[in-house]
Amino acid sequence: MRDINRIPKILNELERIWKANPDFRLGQLIVVGARPKGSCPEVFYIEDEELLDGLLAFENGTETKKLKTIPDWEKYLNVTRIDPKELTVELLAQLINELKTTNKKIVITPINLMKLNGAPVSDQSWLLNQKPRIKKLKKLLAELKENGILSERRSKQDFLGVKETGYNIVE
């Protein structure tokens, strides 16, 4: 039998690290801590509420339903894989419409759109290589604002030295 005393130590460290990084989901922290050799999208992208439902079902001994939700990285247009020259206002409007219909609540910025697909936006060297993409996305988002699809938020965001204008989806 495993030592039961390991549980509080792990939970205390998890709580400390998670509170220092509250934008992470639990699955993300687990994957980061485990450092698997391959990707684990089912764990990395699971929403905390879905994980909690699964844990409660386990505790109750009930059958956990196969999760029917599609992770963000499969659901939404991947703006990090499309050549910036091929990004269009129509493609971005389609993505914004999908975010609206699925009731995804995010501040619309180039960085946040790339985060949807699991892009390594916290890696500064990767982000520096994305300047043409970010510039194009900024231009397209401003166009969507002019078209009345987005409204500009009052506060500007600064992400790793990149100043971003945030937008809300117009209802």
N, C-alpha and C. Protein backbone atom coordinates (compact mmCIF):
# COMPACT_ATOMS: atom_id res chain seq x y z
N MET A 1 0.83 -1.18 0.00
CA MET A 1 0.00 0.00 0.00
C MET A 1 0.89 1.25 0.00
N ARG A 2 0.46 2.24 -0.73
CA ARG A 2 1.21 3.50 -0.80
C ARG A 2 1.06 4.28 0.52
N ASP A 3 2.08 5.08 0.80
CA ASP A 3 2.09 5.89 2.01
C ASP A 3 1.03 6.98 1.91
N ILE A 4 0.06 6.98 2.79
CA ILE A 4 -1.03 7.95 2.76
C ILE A 4 -0.54 9.36 3.10
N ASN A 5 0.62 9.48 3.75
CA ASN A 5 1.16 10.78 4.14
C ASN A 5 1.68 11.60 2.95
N ARG A 6 1.82 10.98 1.79
CA ARG A 6 2.26 11.71 0.61
C ARG A 6 1.17 12.67 0.10
N ILE A 7 -0.08 12.36 0.38
CA ILE A 7 -1.20 13.10 -0.19
C ILE A 7 -1.22 14.57 0.25
N PRO A 8 -1.16 14.87 1.55
CA PRO A 8 -1.18 16.29 1.94
C PRO A 8 0.00 17.09 1.37
N LYS A 9 1.17 16.48 1.30
CA LYS A 9 2.35 17.18 0.78
C LYS A 9 2.12 17.56 -0.69
N ILE A 10 1.66 16.61 -1.48
CA ILE A 10 1.42 16.87 -2.90
C ILE A 10 0.30 17.90 -3.07
N LEU A 11 -0.78 17.74 -2.32
CA LEU A 11 -1.90 18.68 -2.44
C LEU A 11 -1.50 20.09 -2.01
N ASN A 12 -0.67 20.21 -0.96
CA ASN A 12 -0.21 21.53 -0.53
C ASN A 12 0.63 22.21 -1.60
N GLU A 13 1.54 21.46 -2.21
CA GLU A 13 2.37 22.02 -3.27
C GLU A 13 1.53 22.37 -4.49
N LEU A 14 0.59 21.50 -4.83
CA LEU A 14 -0.30 21.78 -5.96
C LEU A 14 -1.08 23.06 -5.71
N GLU A 15 -1.61 23.21 -4.51
CA GLU A 15 -2.37 24.41 -4.18
C GLU A 15 -1.49 25.66 -4.27
N ARG A 16 -0.29 25.59 -3.75
CA ARG A 16 0.63 26.73 -3.76
C ARG A 16 0.96 27.14 -5.20
N ILE A 17 1.31 26.17 -6.01
CA ILE A 17 1.69 26.44 -7.40
C ILE A 17 0.49 26.92 -8.21
N TRP A 18 -0.66 26.32 -7.98
CA TRP A 18 -1.87 26.69 -8.74
C TRP A 18 -2.30 28.11 -8.38
N LYS A 19 -2.23 28.47 -7.11
CA LYS A 19 -2.59 29.84 -6.71
C LYS A 19 -1.64 30.85 -7.33
N ALA A 20 -0.40 30.46 -7.54
CA ALA A 20 0.57 31.35 -8.19
C ALA A 20 0.33 31.43 -9.70
N ASN A 21 -0.41 30.47 -10.25
CA ASN A 21 -0.69 30.41 -11.69
C ASN A 21 -2.18 30.13 -11.90
N PRO A 22 -3.07 31.02 -11.48
CA PRO A 22 -4.50 30.72 -11.47
C PRO A 22 -5.14 30.58 -12.86
N ASP A 23 -4.45 31.02 -13.92
CA ASP A 23 -5.03 30.87 -15.25
C ASP A 23 -4.86 29.45 -15.80
N PHE A 24 -4.05 28.64 -15.14
CA PHE A 24 -3.88 27.26 -15.55
C PHE A 24 -5.09 26.44 -15.11
N ARG A 25 -5.42 25.44 -15.92
CA ARG A 25 -6.39 24.44 -15.50
C ARG A 25 -5.61 23.34 -14.77
N LEU A 26 -6.30 22.57 -13.96
CA LEU A 26 -5.62 21.51 -13.21
C LEU A 26 -4.91 20.54 -14.15
N GLY A 27 -5.58 20.18 -15.23
CA GLY A 27 -4.96 19.26 -16.20
C GLY A 27 -3.66 19.80 -16.75
N GLN A 28 -3.60 21.10 -17.01
CA GLN A 28 -2.37 21.71 -17.50
C GLN A 28 -1.26 21.55 -16.47
N LEU A 29 -1.57 21.82 -15.19
CA LEU A 29 -0.55 21.69 -14.15
C LEU A 29 -0.05 20.26 -14.02
N ILE A 30 -0.97 19.31 -14.12
CA ILE A 30 -0.58 17.90 -14.03
C ILE A 30 0.37 17.53 -15.16
N VAL A 31 0.03 17.95 -16.38
CA VAL A 31 0.89 17.64 -17.53
C VAL A 31 2.24 18.32 -17.39
N VAL A 32 2.24 19.58 -16.96
CA VAL A 32 3.50 20.30 -16.78
C VAL A 32 4.36 19.59 -15.72
N GLY A 33 3.73 19.17 -14.64
CA GLY A 33 4.47 18.48 -13.58
C GLY A 33 4.94 17.09 -13.99
N ALA A 34 4.14 16.39 -14.76
CA ALA A 34 4.48 15.02 -15.17
C ALA A 34 5.54 14.99 -16.26
N ARG A 35 5.59 16.04 -17.06
CA ARG A 35 6.54 16.14 -18.18
C ARG A 35 6.55 14.87 -19.04
N PRO A 36 5.40 14.51 -19.61
CA PRO A 36 5.34 13.29 -20.42
C PRO A 36 6.16 13.43 -21.71
N LYS A 37 6.56 12.29 -22.24
CA LYS A 37 7.34 12.29 -23.49
C LYS A 37 6.48 12.70 -24.68
N GLY A 38 5.20 12.36 -24.64
CA GLY A 38 4.28 12.73 -25.71
C GLY A 38 3.24 13.70 -25.20
N SER A 39 2.44 14.22 -26.13
CA SER A 39 1.39 15.15 -25.71
C SER A 39 0.25 14.39 -25.05
N CYS A 40 -0.48 15.07 -24.19
CA CYS A 40 -1.63 14.51 -23.48
C CYS A 40 -2.80 15.46 -23.60
N PRO A 41 -3.32 15.68 -24.81
CA PRO A 41 -4.36 16.70 -24.98
C PRO A 41 -5.61 16.45 -24.15
N GLU A 42 -5.96 15.18 -23.91
CA GLU A 42 -7.17 14.90 -23.12
C GLU A 42 -7.03 15.42 -21.70
N VAL A 43 -5.83 15.36 -21.16
CA VAL A 43 -5.59 15.84 -19.80
C VAL A 43 -5.30 17.34 -19.83
N PHE A 44 -4.44 17.78 -20.74
CA PHE A 44 -4.02 19.18 -20.79
C PHE A 44 -5.18 20.13 -21.02
N TYR A 45 -6.12 19.74 -21.89
CA TYR A 45 -7.19 20.66 -22.27
C TYR A 45 -8.52 20.46 -21.54
N ILE A 46 -8.57 19.50 -20.62
CA ILE A 46 -9.84 19.28 -19.93
C ILE A 46 -10.16 20.48 -19.04
N GLU A 47 -11.39 20.91 -19.10
CA GLU A 47 -11.83 22.01 -18.24
C GLU A 47 -11.98 21.49 -16.81
N ASP A 48 -11.72 22.34 -15.85
CA ASP A 48 -11.77 21.93 -14.44
C ASP A 48 -13.13 21.35 -14.06
N GLU A 49 -14.21 21.91 -14.58
CA GLU A 49 -15.55 21.43 -14.25
C GLU A 49 -15.76 19.99 -14.76
N GLU A 50 -15.23 19.70 -15.94
CA GLU A 50 -15.36 18.34 -16.48
C GLU A 50 -14.55 17.35 -15.64
N LEU A 51 -13.37 17.78 -15.22
CA LEU A 51 -12.53 16.92 -14.38
C LEU A 51 -13.22 16.66 -13.05
N LEU A 52 -13.80 17.70 -12.46
CA LEU A 52 -14.52 17.55 -11.20
C LEU A 52 -15.68 16.58 -11.35
N ASP A 53 -16.43 16.70 -12.45
CA ASP A 53 -17.54 15.77 -12.70
C ASP A 53 -17.04 14.33 -12.75
N GLY A 54 -15.92 14.12 -13.42
CA GLY A 54 -15.34 12.77 -13.51
C GLY A 54 -14.90 12.25 -12.16
N LEU A 55 -14.28 13.13 -11.34
CA LEU A 55 -13.84 12.71 -10.00
C LEU A 55 -15.03 12.35 -9.11
N LEU A 56 -16.08 13.17 -9.19
CA LEU A 56 -17.27 12.88 -8.38
C LEU A 56 -17.95 11.59 -8.83
N ALA A 57 -17.96 11.36 -10.13
CA ALA A 57 -18.54 10.11 -10.63
C ALA A 57 -17.71 8.92 -10.15
N PHE A 58 -16.38 9.07 -10.12
CA PHE A 58 -15.51 8.02 -9.62
C PHE A 58 -15.81 7.74 -8.15
N GLU A 59 -15.93 8.82 -7.37
CA GLU A 59 -16.21 8.68 -5.95
C GLU A 59 -17.54 7.96 -5.70
N ASN A 60 -18.54 8.30 -6.49
CA ASN A 60 -19.87 7.72 -6.33
C ASN A 60 -20.01 6.34 -6.95
N GLY A 61 -18.97 5.92 -7.67
CA GLY A 61 -19.02 4.62 -8.32
C GLY A 61 -19.96 4.59 -9.51
N THR A 62 -20.32 5.75 -10.01
CA THR A 62 -21.20 5.80 -11.17
C THR A 62 -20.38 5.77 -12.43
N GLU A 63 -20.99 5.34 -13.49
CA GLU A 63 -20.33 5.29 -14.79
C GLU A 63 -20.05 6.71 -15.26
N THR A 64 -18.80 6.98 -15.58
CA THR A 64 -18.50 8.30 -16.15
C THR A 64 -18.83 8.25 -17.63
N LYS A 65 -19.58 9.23 -18.04
CA LYS A 65 -19.92 9.32 -19.45
C LYS A 65 -18.68 9.70 -20.23
N LYS A 66 -18.58 9.16 -21.42
CA LYS A 66 -17.50 9.57 -22.30
C LYS A 66 -17.71 11.05 -22.59
N LEU A 67 -16.67 11.85 -22.37
CA LEU A 67 -16.80 13.28 -22.58
C LEU A 67 -17.11 13.56 -24.04
N LYS A 68 -18.19 14.27 -24.27
CA LYS A 68 -18.60 14.58 -25.63
C LYS A 68 -18.14 15.96 -26.05
N THR A 69 -17.53 16.67 -25.12
CA THR A 69 -17.07 18.00 -25.48
C THR A 69 -15.82 17.90 -26.33
N ILE A 70 -15.73 18.79 -27.27
CA ILE A 70 -14.57 18.83 -28.14
C ILE A 70 -13.62 19.87 -27.57
N PRO A 71 -12.34 19.53 -27.42
CA PRO A 71 -11.42 20.52 -26.85
C PRO A 71 -11.26 21.72 -27.78
N ASP A 72 -10.91 22.87 -27.18
CA ASP A 72 -10.75 24.09 -27.95
C ASP A 72 -9.80 23.90 -29.12
N TRP A 73 -8.71 23.18 -28.92
CA TRP A 73 -7.70 23.04 -29.97
C TRP A 73 -8.23 22.31 -31.19
N GLU A 74 -9.33 21.56 -31.05
CA GLU A 74 -9.96 20.92 -32.21
C GLU A 74 -11.16 21.71 -32.71
N LYS A 75 -11.79 22.45 -31.83
CA LYS A 75 -13.06 23.11 -32.14
C LYS A 75 -12.88 24.38 -32.96
N TYR A 76 -11.87 25.17 -32.64
CA TYR A 76 -11.75 26.50 -33.22
C TYR A 76 -10.67 26.56 -34.29
N LEU A 77 -10.87 27.44 -35.23
CA LEU A 77 -9.91 27.70 -36.30
C LEU A 77 -8.54 27.96 -35.69
N ASN A 78 -7.53 27.26 -36.19
CA ASN A 78 -6.19 27.38 -35.63
C ASN A 78 -5.42 28.49 -36.35
N VAL A 79 -5.47 29.68 -35.79
CA VAL A 79 -4.82 30.83 -36.42
C VAL A 79 -3.29 30.74 -36.38
N THR A 80 -2.74 29.83 -35.59
CA THR A 80 -1.28 29.69 -35.53
C THR A 80 -0.75 28.78 -36.63
N ARG A 81 -1.62 28.05 -37.29
CA ARG A 81 -1.16 27.15 -38.35
C ARG A 81 -1.43 27.68 -39.75
N ILE A 82 -2.20 28.73 -39.83
CA ILE A 82 -2.51 29.33 -41.13
C ILE A 82 -1.44 30.37 -41.43
N ASP A 83 -0.93 30.33 -42.64
CA ASP A 83 0.04 31.34 -43.06
C ASP A 83 -0.58 32.72 -42.86
N PRO A 84 0.14 33.63 -42.21
CA PRO A 84 -0.43 34.96 -41.96
C PRO A 84 -0.98 35.63 -43.22
N LYS A 85 -0.37 35.38 -44.37
CA LYS A 85 -0.84 35.97 -45.63
C LYS A 85 -2.22 35.45 -46.00
N GLU A 86 -2.57 34.26 -45.51
CA GLU A 86 -3.85 33.65 -45.85
C GLU A 86 -4.95 33.95 -44.83
N LEU A 87 -4.59 34.59 -43.73
CA LEU A 87 -5.60 34.98 -42.74
C LEU A 87 -6.44 36.11 -43.34
N THR A 88 -7.75 35.95 -43.27
CA THR A 88 -8.65 36.96 -43.82
C THR A 88 -9.66 37.39 -42.77
N VAL A 89 -10.28 38.52 -43.01
CA VAL A 89 -11.31 39.01 -42.11
C VAL A 89 -12.48 38.02 -42.09
N GLU A 90 -12.75 37.36 -43.21
CA GLU A 90 -13.85 36.37 -43.26
C GLU A 90 -13.55 35.17 -42.37
N LEU A 91 -12.29 34.68 -42.43
CA LEU A 91 -11.92 33.55 -41.56
C LEU A 91 -12.02 33.93 -40.09
N LEU A 92 -11.54 35.12 -39.76
CA LEU A 92 -11.59 35.56 -38.38
C LEU A 92 -13.03 35.80 -37.92
N ALA A 93 -13.86 36.33 -38.80
CA ALA A 93 -15.28 36.54 -38.46
C ALA A 93 -15.94 35.19 -38.19
N GLN A 94 -15.57 34.17 -38.97
CA GLN A 94 -16.10 32.82 -38.76
C GLN A 94 -15.68 32.30 -37.37
N LEU A 95 -14.43 32.53 -37.00
CA LEU A 95 -13.94 32.12 -35.68
C LEU A 95 -14.69 32.87 -34.58
N ILE A 96 -14.85 34.17 -34.73
CA ILE A 96 -15.55 34.98 -33.73
C ILE A 96 -17.00 34.50 -33.60
N ASN A 97 -17.63 34.19 -34.71
CA ASN A 97 -19.01 33.68 -34.67
C ASN A 97 -19.08 32.35 -33.93
N GLU A 98 -18.11 31.49 -34.16
CA GLU A 98 -18.06 30.20 -33.45
C GLU A 98 -17.88 30.42 -31.95
N LEU A 99 -17.00 31.36 -31.58
CA LEU A 99 -16.81 31.68 -30.16
C LEU A 99 -18.12 32.18 -29.55
N LYS A 100 -18.83 32.99 -30.33
CA LYS A 100 -20.10 33.55 -29.86
C LYS A 100 -21.15 32.45 -29.68
N THR A 101 -21.28 31.56 -30.65
CA THR A 101 -22.32 30.53 -30.58
C THR A 101 -22.02 29.48 -29.52
N THR A 102 -20.74 29.25 -29.23
CA THR A 102 -20.40 28.27 -28.19
C THR A 102 -20.29 28.93 -26.83
N ASN A 103 -20.56 30.25 -26.78
CA ASN A 103 -20.55 31.00 -25.53
C ASN A 103 -19.20 30.96 -24.83
N LYS A 104 -18.13 30.92 -25.62
CA LYS A 104 -16.77 30.95 -25.07
C LYS A 104 -16.47 32.37 -24.64
N LYS A 105 -16.18 32.56 -23.37
CA LYS A 105 -15.95 33.88 -22.82
C LYS A 105 -14.45 34.16 -22.73
N ILE A 106 -13.91 34.85 -23.73
CA ILE A 106 -12.52 35.28 -23.68
C ILE A 106 -12.43 36.71 -24.18
N VAL A 107 -11.40 37.39 -23.75
CA VAL A 107 -11.09 38.68 -24.33
C VAL A 107 -10.40 38.37 -25.65
N ILE A 108 -10.90 38.95 -26.72
CA ILE A 108 -10.35 38.65 -28.04
C ILE A 108 -9.09 39.48 -28.25
N THR A 109 -7.96 38.81 -28.33
CA THR A 109 -6.67 39.41 -28.68
C THR A 109 -5.94 38.41 -29.57
N PRO A 110 -4.93 38.83 -30.31
CA PRO A 110 -4.16 37.86 -31.09
C PRO A 110 -3.59 36.73 -30.23
N ILE A 111 -3.04 37.09 -29.07
CA ILE A 111 -2.45 36.07 -28.19
C ILE A 111 -3.51 35.09 -27.70
N ASN A 112 -4.66 35.60 -27.26
CA ASN A 112 -5.72 34.71 -26.76
C ASN A 112 -6.27 33.82 -27.86
N LEU A 113 -6.33 34.32 -29.09
CA LEU A 113 -6.79 33.47 -30.19
C LEU A 113 -5.80 32.34 -30.44
N MET A 114 -4.52 32.62 -30.28
CA MET A 114 -3.51 31.57 -30.45
C MET A 114 -3.53 30.59 -29.27
N LYS A 115 -3.85 31.10 -28.08
CA LYS A 115 -3.95 30.24 -26.89
C LYS A 115 -5.04 29.19 -27.05
N LEU A 116 -6.11 29.54 -27.76
CA LEU A 116 -7.22 28.60 -27.96
C LEU A 116 -6.73 27.26 -28.50
N ASN A 117 -5.72 27.32 -29.32
CA ASN A 117 -5.23 26.11 -29.97
C ASN A 117 -3.98 25.54 -29.31
N GLY A 118 -3.71 26.01 -28.10
CA GLY A 118 -2.58 25.46 -27.35
C GLY A 118 -1.23 25.95 -27.81
N ALA A 119 -1.18 27.10 -28.48
CA ALA A 119 0.10 27.65 -28.92
C ALA A 119 0.95 28.01 -27.70
N PRO A 120 2.26 27.82 -27.79
CA PRO A 120 3.14 28.09 -26.65
C PRO A 120 3.42 29.59 -26.48
N VAL A 121 2.38 30.35 -26.22
CA VAL A 121 2.50 31.81 -26.19
C VAL A 121 3.37 32.33 -25.05
N SER A 122 3.64 31.52 -24.04
CA SER A 122 4.50 31.97 -22.95
C SER A 122 5.98 31.79 -23.29
N ASP A 123 6.27 31.16 -24.42
CA ASP A 123 7.65 30.99 -24.88
C ASP A 123 8.04 32.22 -25.69
N GLN A 124 8.87 33.09 -25.11
CA GLN A 124 9.21 34.36 -25.75
C GLN A 124 9.87 34.18 -27.10
N SER A 125 10.74 33.19 -27.25
CA SER A 125 11.40 33.01 -28.55
C SER A 125 10.38 32.59 -29.61
N TRP A 126 9.43 31.76 -29.23
CA TRP A 126 8.38 31.37 -30.18
C TRP A 126 7.54 32.60 -30.53
N LEU A 127 7.18 33.37 -29.50
CA LEU A 127 6.34 34.54 -29.70
C LEU A 127 7.01 35.57 -30.60
N LEU A 128 8.32 35.75 -30.45
CA LEU A 128 9.04 36.70 -31.31
C LEU A 128 8.93 36.32 -32.78
N ASN A 129 8.89 35.02 -33.06
CA ASN A 129 8.75 34.56 -34.45
C ASN A 129 7.34 34.74 -34.98
N GLN A 130 6.42 35.11 -34.12
CA GLN A 130 5.02 35.26 -34.52
C GLN A 130 4.62 36.70 -34.81
N LYS A 131 5.59 37.61 -34.84
CA LYS A 131 5.27 39.03 -35.04
C LYS A 131 4.45 39.29 -36.30
N PRO A 132 4.78 38.68 -37.46
CA PRO A 132 3.94 38.93 -38.64
C PRO A 132 2.50 38.46 -38.44
N ARG A 133 2.33 37.34 -37.77
CA ARG A 133 1.00 36.80 -37.50
C ARG A 133 0.23 37.73 -36.56
N ILE A 134 0.90 38.17 -35.50
CA ILE A 134 0.27 39.06 -34.53
C ILE A 134 -0.14 40.37 -35.20
N LYS A 135 0.75 40.90 -36.02
CA LYS A 135 0.45 42.15 -36.73
C LYS A 135 -0.78 41.98 -37.62
N LYS A 136 -0.84 40.86 -38.34
CA LYS A 136 -1.98 40.61 -39.23
C LYS A 136 -3.27 40.44 -38.42
N LEU A 137 -3.19 39.69 -37.31
CA LEU A 137 -4.37 39.49 -36.48
C LEU A 137 -4.86 40.80 -35.88
N LYS A 138 -3.94 41.66 -35.46
CA LYS A 138 -4.32 42.98 -34.92
C LYS A 138 -5.10 43.77 -35.97
N LYS A 139 -4.60 43.76 -37.20
CA LYS A 139 -5.24 44.49 -38.29
C LYS A 139 -6.64 43.93 -38.54
N LEU A 140 -6.77 42.60 -38.57
CA LEU A 140 -8.07 41.98 -38.84
C LEU A 140 -9.06 42.23 -37.70
N LEU A 141 -8.57 42.20 -36.47
CA LEU A 141 -9.46 42.46 -35.33
C LEU A 141 -9.96 43.91 -35.36
N ALA A 142 -9.09 44.85 -35.74
CA ALA A 142 -9.51 46.24 -35.86
C ALA A 142 -10.57 46.37 -36.96
N GLU A 143 -10.42 45.60 -38.03
CA GLU A 143 -11.41 45.60 -39.12
C GLU A 143 -12.75 45.06 -38.62
N LEU A 144 -12.71 44.00 -37.82
CA LEU A 144 -13.95 43.44 -37.27
C LEU A 144 -14.61 44.42 -36.30
N LYS A 145 -13.81 45.23 -35.63
CA LYS A 145 -14.37 46.27 -34.77
C LYS A 145 -15.09 47.31 -35.64
N GLU A 146 -14.45 47.70 -36.73
CA GLU A 146 -15.06 48.67 -37.65
C GLU A 146 -16.35 48.12 -38.25
N ASN A 147 -16.41 46.80 -38.44
CA ASN A 147 -17.61 46.16 -39.01
C ASN A 147 -18.69 45.92 -37.96
N GLY A 148 -18.43 46.28 -36.69
CA GLY A 148 -19.43 46.14 -35.64
C GLY A 148 -19.54 44.75 -35.04
N ILE A 149 -18.58 43.88 -35.34
CA ILE A 149 -18.60 42.52 -34.81
C ILE A 149 -17.95 42.47 -33.42
N LEU A 150 -16.96 43.34 -33.22
CA LEU A 150 -16.26 43.42 -31.94
C LEU A 150 -16.37 44.83 -31.39
N SER A 151 -16.24 44.94 -30.07
CA SER A 151 -16.14 46.25 -29.44
C SER A 151 -14.86 46.27 -28.62
N GLU A 152 -14.18 47.41 -28.66
CA GLU A 152 -12.90 47.52 -27.97
C GLU A 152 -13.10 47.63 -26.47
N ARG A 153 -12.29 46.90 -25.73
CA ARG A 153 -12.30 47.00 -24.27
C ARG A 153 -11.51 48.24 -23.86
N ARG A 154 -11.82 48.77 -22.73
CA ARG A 154 -11.15 49.99 -22.27
C ARG A 154 -9.69 49.77 -21.92
N SER A 155 -9.37 48.63 -21.32
CA SER A 155 -8.00 48.40 -20.88
C SER A 155 -7.19 47.67 -21.95
N LYS A 156 -5.94 48.04 -22.05
CA LYS A 156 -5.01 47.37 -22.96
C LYS A 156 -4.34 46.26 -22.18
N GLN A 157 -3.98 45.19 -22.88
CA GLN A 157 -3.29 44.09 -22.22
C GLN A 157 -1.84 44.09 -22.64
N ASP A 158 -0.98 43.70 -21.72
CA ASP A 158 0.44 43.58 -21.99
C ASP A 158 0.80 42.13 -21.72
N PHE A 159 1.20 41.41 -22.76
CA PHE A 159 1.56 40.01 -22.61
C PHE A 159 2.99 39.83 -23.07
N LEU A 160 3.88 39.55 -22.13
CA LEU A 160 5.30 39.36 -22.41
C LEU A 160 5.87 40.49 -23.27
N GLY A 161 5.51 41.70 -22.93
CA GLY A 161 6.03 42.85 -23.65
C GLY A 161 5.28 43.21 -24.92
N VAL A 162 4.26 42.43 -25.25
CA VAL A 162 3.46 42.71 -26.44
C VAL A 162 2.20 43.44 -25.99
N LYS A 163 2.02 44.67 -26.46
CA LYS A 163 0.82 45.44 -26.11
C LYS A 163 -0.31 44.98 -27.01
N GLU A 164 -1.43 44.69 -26.40
CA GLU A 164 -2.58 44.21 -27.17
C GLU A 164 -3.83 44.99 -26.80
N THR A 165 -4.64 45.25 -27.81
CA THR A 165 -5.96 45.78 -27.58
C THR A 165 -6.89 44.59 -27.45
N GLY A 166 -7.68 44.58 -26.40
CA GLY A 166 -8.64 43.50 -26.20
C GLY A 166 -10.00 43.90 -26.75
N TYR A 167 -10.73 42.91 -27.23
CA TYR A 167 -12.06 43.14 -27.79
C TYR A 167 -13.07 42.20 -27.16
N ASN A 168 -14.29 42.66 -27.10
CA ASN A 168 -15.44 41.83 -26.71
C ASN A 168 -16.25 41.54 -27.96
N ILE A 169 -16.95 40.44 -27.95
CA ILE A 169 -17.84 40.12 -29.06
C ILE A 169 -19.14 40.88 -28.85
N VAL A 170 -19.58 41.57 -29.89
CA VAL A 170 -20.83 42.31 -29.82
C VAL A 170 -21.98 41.31 -29.86
N GLU A 171 -22.89 41.45 -28.91
CA GLU A 171 -24.02 40.51 -28.83
C GLU A 171 -25.08 40.80 -29.84
